[in-house]
Amino acid sequence: MDNERKEKLHDVYRRHAKMLYLYLLKLTGSPTVAEDLVQETFYKATLSLAFYHDQEVKSWLFKVARHTYLDQWRKRKRWEWVPFIEVLHKGEEMLSPFEQPEDYVISKESEKDLLNLNKQLPETYRTILYLREDEGLSYKELSEALEMNENQVKVTLHRARQRLHQLANKNHRKGVE
C-alpha cells in the first residue's frame, strides 16, 4: 500500500473511529464488543474503501458498521450468546463538587430509563434514532447508511420516535400505578 493511501486511511480512522465506537456501544452495550466491531468495520473498509468526500465516507462507514454488527449478532444468536453488559465503569464519570446529589441521581435515572426504552426498540429504530439524534446525519446520509430511500427514512424515523414515545408513556403509567 502506498504512503498516500495509508495516510488517507489513517485520516478516515482518526475522524470516524470514535463516532462508530459510540454507535456500536449503543447497539451492543459492551465496550469490548464495540471495540472489536470498530476494528472489523475498518478492516472491511480498508479492503473496499474508495475515497469519497467526507460526508459520503461517514454514511458509508455507518452502513459497514451496521452490517458488521448484524453479522456478529446473527453469529452469536446461533450460539445463543447473551451479552454481558457492564452498567457502571469505575472512574467513567466524576461527580462535580458543585452538582447537587439529587440532580445527579435524577439525571442518572433519566439516562437509565432512556437506555432501557432504547433496548425495547427494534435494531432499525435504535439505529435510525442514534444516527439522526446523536450523530446528526441528514436524511440523505441516513438513506445511504441504512440502504433506504429518503421517504422510507422519514417514515421509519417517525415510527421510531412514535414507538419510543409509546414505550415511555407505557412505562410512565406502570410507575404511577
Protein backbone atom coordinates (compact mmCIF):
# COMPACT_ATOMS: atom_id res chain seq x y z
CA MET A 1 0.00 0.00 0.00
CA ASP A 2 1.45 3.37 -0.95
CA ASN A 3 2.03 6.13 1.60
CA GLU A 4 -0.70 8.40 0.25
CA ARG A 5 -3.35 5.66 0.61
CA LYS A 6 -2.09 4.81 4.11
CA GLU A 7 -2.33 8.46 5.13
CA LYS A 8 -5.88 8.72 3.77
CA LEU A 9 -6.90 5.59 5.69
CA HIS A 10 -5.32 6.95 8.90
CA ASP A 11 -7.17 10.22 8.38
CA VAL A 12 -10.51 8.44 7.91
CA TYR A 13 -9.85 6.37 11.03
CA ARG A 14 -8.92 9.40 13.15
CA ARG A 15 -12.04 11.30 12.09
CA HIS A 16 -14.59 8.50 12.37
CA ALA A 17 -13.47 5.79 14.80
CA LYS A 18 -14.88 7.44 17.93
CA MET A 19 -18.35 8.05 16.49
CA LEU A 20 -18.50 4.47 15.19
CA TYR A 21 -17.43 3.17 18.60
CA LEU A 22 -20.17 5.17 20.35
CA TYR A 23 -22.75 3.94 17.85
CA LEU A 24 -21.70 0.30 18.24
CA LEU A 25 -21.51 0.68 22.01
CA LYS A 26 -25.10 1.90 21.98
CA LEU A 27 -26.14 -1.15 19.95
CA THR A 28 -24.15 -3.77 21.84
CA GLY A 29 -23.97 -2.41 25.36
CA SER A 30 -20.45 -3.83 25.61
CA PRO A 31 -17.30 -1.73 25.29
CA THR A 32 -15.24 -4.78 24.34
CA VAL A 33 -17.62 -5.94 21.62
CA ALA A 34 -17.94 -2.36 20.31
CA GLU A 35 -14.14 -2.07 20.05
CA ASP A 36 -13.95 -5.37 18.18
CA LEU A 37 -16.70 -4.28 15.80
CA VAL A 38 -14.97 -0.95 15.10
CA GLN A 39 -11.81 -2.83 14.18
CA GLU A 40 -13.79 -5.21 11.97
CA THR A 41 -15.55 -2.24 10.34
CA PHE A 42 -12.26 -0.58 9.45
CA TYR A 43 -10.81 -3.87 8.26
CA LYS A 44 -13.72 -4.22 5.84
CA ALA A 45 -13.41 -0.55 4.89
CA THR A 46 -9.70 -0.97 4.15
CA LEU A 47 -10.49 -3.79 1.76
CA SER A 48 -13.05 -1.86 -0.25
CA LEU A 49 -12.75 1.85 0.53
CA ALA A 50 -12.93 4.11 -2.48
CA PHE A 51 -12.19 7.62 -1.31
CA TYR A 52 -15.35 9.67 -1.29
CA HIS A 53 -16.00 13.11 0.08
CA ASP A 54 -16.03 13.16 3.88
CA GLN A 55 -19.82 13.09 4.27
CA GLU A 56 -20.16 10.13 1.92
CA VAL A 57 -17.44 8.24 3.82
CA LYS A 58 -19.24 8.89 7.10
CA SER A 59 -22.57 7.43 5.99
CA TRP A 60 -20.81 4.58 4.19
CA LEU A 61 -18.86 3.70 7.36
CA PHE A 62 -22.08 3.66 9.38
CA LYS A 63 -23.54 1.26 6.82
CA VAL A 64 -20.48 -1.00 7.08
CA ALA A 65 -20.60 -0.81 10.91
CA ARG A 66 -24.29 -1.69 10.97
CA HIS A 67 -23.78 -4.69 8.70
CA THR A 68 -20.80 -5.78 10.80
CA TYR A 69 -22.95 -5.55 13.93
CA LEU A 70 -25.80 -7.50 12.32
CA ASP A 71 -23.40 -10.20 11.10
CA GLN A 72 -21.93 -10.53 14.59
CA TRP A 73 -25.40 -10.58 16.16
CA ARG A 74 -26.54 -13.35 13.83
CA LYS A 75 -23.44 -15.45 14.56
CA ARG A 76 -23.83 -15.03 18.30
CA LYS A 77 -27.55 -15.67 18.17
CA ARG A 78 -26.85 -19.03 16.58
CA TRP A 79 -24.77 -19.85 19.65
CA GLU A 80 -27.44 -18.33 21.92
CA TRP A 81 -24.90 -15.91 23.28
CA VAL A 82 -26.16 -13.47 25.89
CA PRO A 83 -24.06 -10.29 26.08
CA PHE A 84 -22.69 -9.21 29.41
CA ILE A 85 -23.43 -5.55 29.87
CA GLU A 86 -21.42 -3.53 32.32
CA VAL A 87 -23.67 -0.90 33.77
CA LEU A 88 -21.01 1.09 35.60
CA HIS A 89 -17.38 1.57 34.76
CA LYS A 90 -15.25 2.76 37.63
CA GLY A 91 -13.89 6.22 37.04
CA GLU A 92 -16.04 6.77 33.97
CA GLU A 93 -17.69 9.91 35.34
CA MET A 94 -16.72 12.08 38.22
CA LEU A 95 -19.40 13.79 40.29
CA SER A 96 -18.84 17.52 40.18
CA PRO A 97 -18.40 19.06 43.64
CA PHE A 98 -20.89 21.76 42.54
CA GLU A 99 -23.62 19.37 41.46
CA GLN A 100 -26.46 18.60 43.83
CA PRO A 101 -26.69 14.87 44.65
CA GLU A 102 -30.43 14.87 43.92
CA ASP A 103 -29.87 16.34 40.44
CA TYR A 104 -27.17 13.79 39.75
CA VAL A 105 -29.43 10.88 40.76
CA ILE A 106 -32.34 12.21 38.71
CA SER A 107 -30.17 12.66 35.60
CA LYS A 108 -28.72 9.15 36.02
CA GLU A 109 -32.23 7.70 36.42
CA SER A 110 -33.35 9.50 33.25
CA GLU A 111 -30.36 8.18 31.30
CA LYS A 112 -31.03 4.69 32.62
CA ASP A 113 -34.73 4.93 31.71
CA LEU A 114 -33.90 6.10 28.18
CA LEU A 115 -31.34 3.31 27.77
CA ASN A 116 -33.95 0.75 28.90
CA LEU A 117 -36.51 2.19 26.48
CA ASN A 118 -34.00 2.03 23.64
CA LYS A 119 -33.32 -1.64 24.40
CA GLN A 120 -37.01 -2.35 23.78
CA LEU A 121 -36.87 -0.89 20.27
CA PRO A 122 -36.05 -2.95 17.17
CA GLU A 123 -32.49 -2.52 15.90
CA THR A 124 -33.56 -0.42 12.91
CA TYR A 125 -35.33 2.06 15.17
CA ARG A 126 -32.39 2.25 17.60
CA THR A 127 -30.01 2.80 14.70
CA ILE A 128 -32.02 5.48 12.93
CA LEU A 129 -32.65 7.40 16.16
CA TYR A 130 -28.98 7.26 17.14
CA LEU A 131 -27.69 8.30 13.73
CA ARG A 132 -30.17 11.18 13.44
CA GLU A 133 -30.29 12.45 17.03
CA ASP A 134 -26.77 11.75 18.29
CA GLU A 135 -24.69 11.86 15.10
CA GLY A 136 -26.82 14.41 13.23
CA LEU A 137 -26.88 12.58 9.90
CA SER A 138 -29.04 14.15 7.21
CA TYR A 139 -31.89 12.26 5.54
CA LYS A 140 -29.64 11.68 2.54
CA GLU A 141 -26.85 10.28 4.73
CA LEU A 142 -29.35 8.12 6.60
CA SER A 143 -30.68 6.75 3.33
CA GLU A 144 -27.15 5.78 2.29
CA ALA A 145 -26.24 4.28 5.67
CA LEU A 146 -29.48 2.31 6.05
CA GLU A 147 -29.95 1.49 2.37
CA MET A 148 -33.40 3.10 2.21
CA ASN A 149 -34.79 5.88 0.07
CA GLU A 150 -35.33 9.24 1.76
CA ASN A 151 -39.10 8.73 2.13
CA GLN A 152 -38.51 5.39 3.87
CA VAL A 153 -36.02 7.13 6.18
CA LYS A 154 -38.57 9.81 7.11
CA VAL A 155 -41.31 7.23 7.75
CA THR A 156 -39.02 4.94 9.75
CA LEU A 157 -37.69 7.85 11.83
CA HIS A 158 -41.25 8.99 12.55
CA ARG A 159 -42.28 5.48 13.55
CA ALA A 160 -39.20 5.08 15.75
CA ARG A 161 -39.93 8.33 17.58
CA GLN A 162 -43.58 7.36 17.89
CA ARG A 163 -42.69 3.91 19.31
CA LEU A 164 -40.23 5.42 21.77
CA HIS A 165 -42.92 7.84 22.91
CA GLN A 166 -45.43 4.96 23.32
CA LEU A 167 -42.93 2.97 25.38
CA ALA A 168 -42.21 5.99 27.56
CA ASN A 169 -45.92 6.53 28.20
CA LYS A 170 -46.45 2.85 28.93
CA ASN A 171 -43.55 2.77 31.40
CA HIS A 172 -44.72 6.01 33.00
CA ARG A 173 -48.20 4.55 33.55
CA LYS A 174 -46.64 1.45 35.14
CA GLY A 175 -44.67 3.66 37.51
CA VAL A 176 -47.79 5.62 38.53
CA GLU A 177 -49.84 2.51 39.33
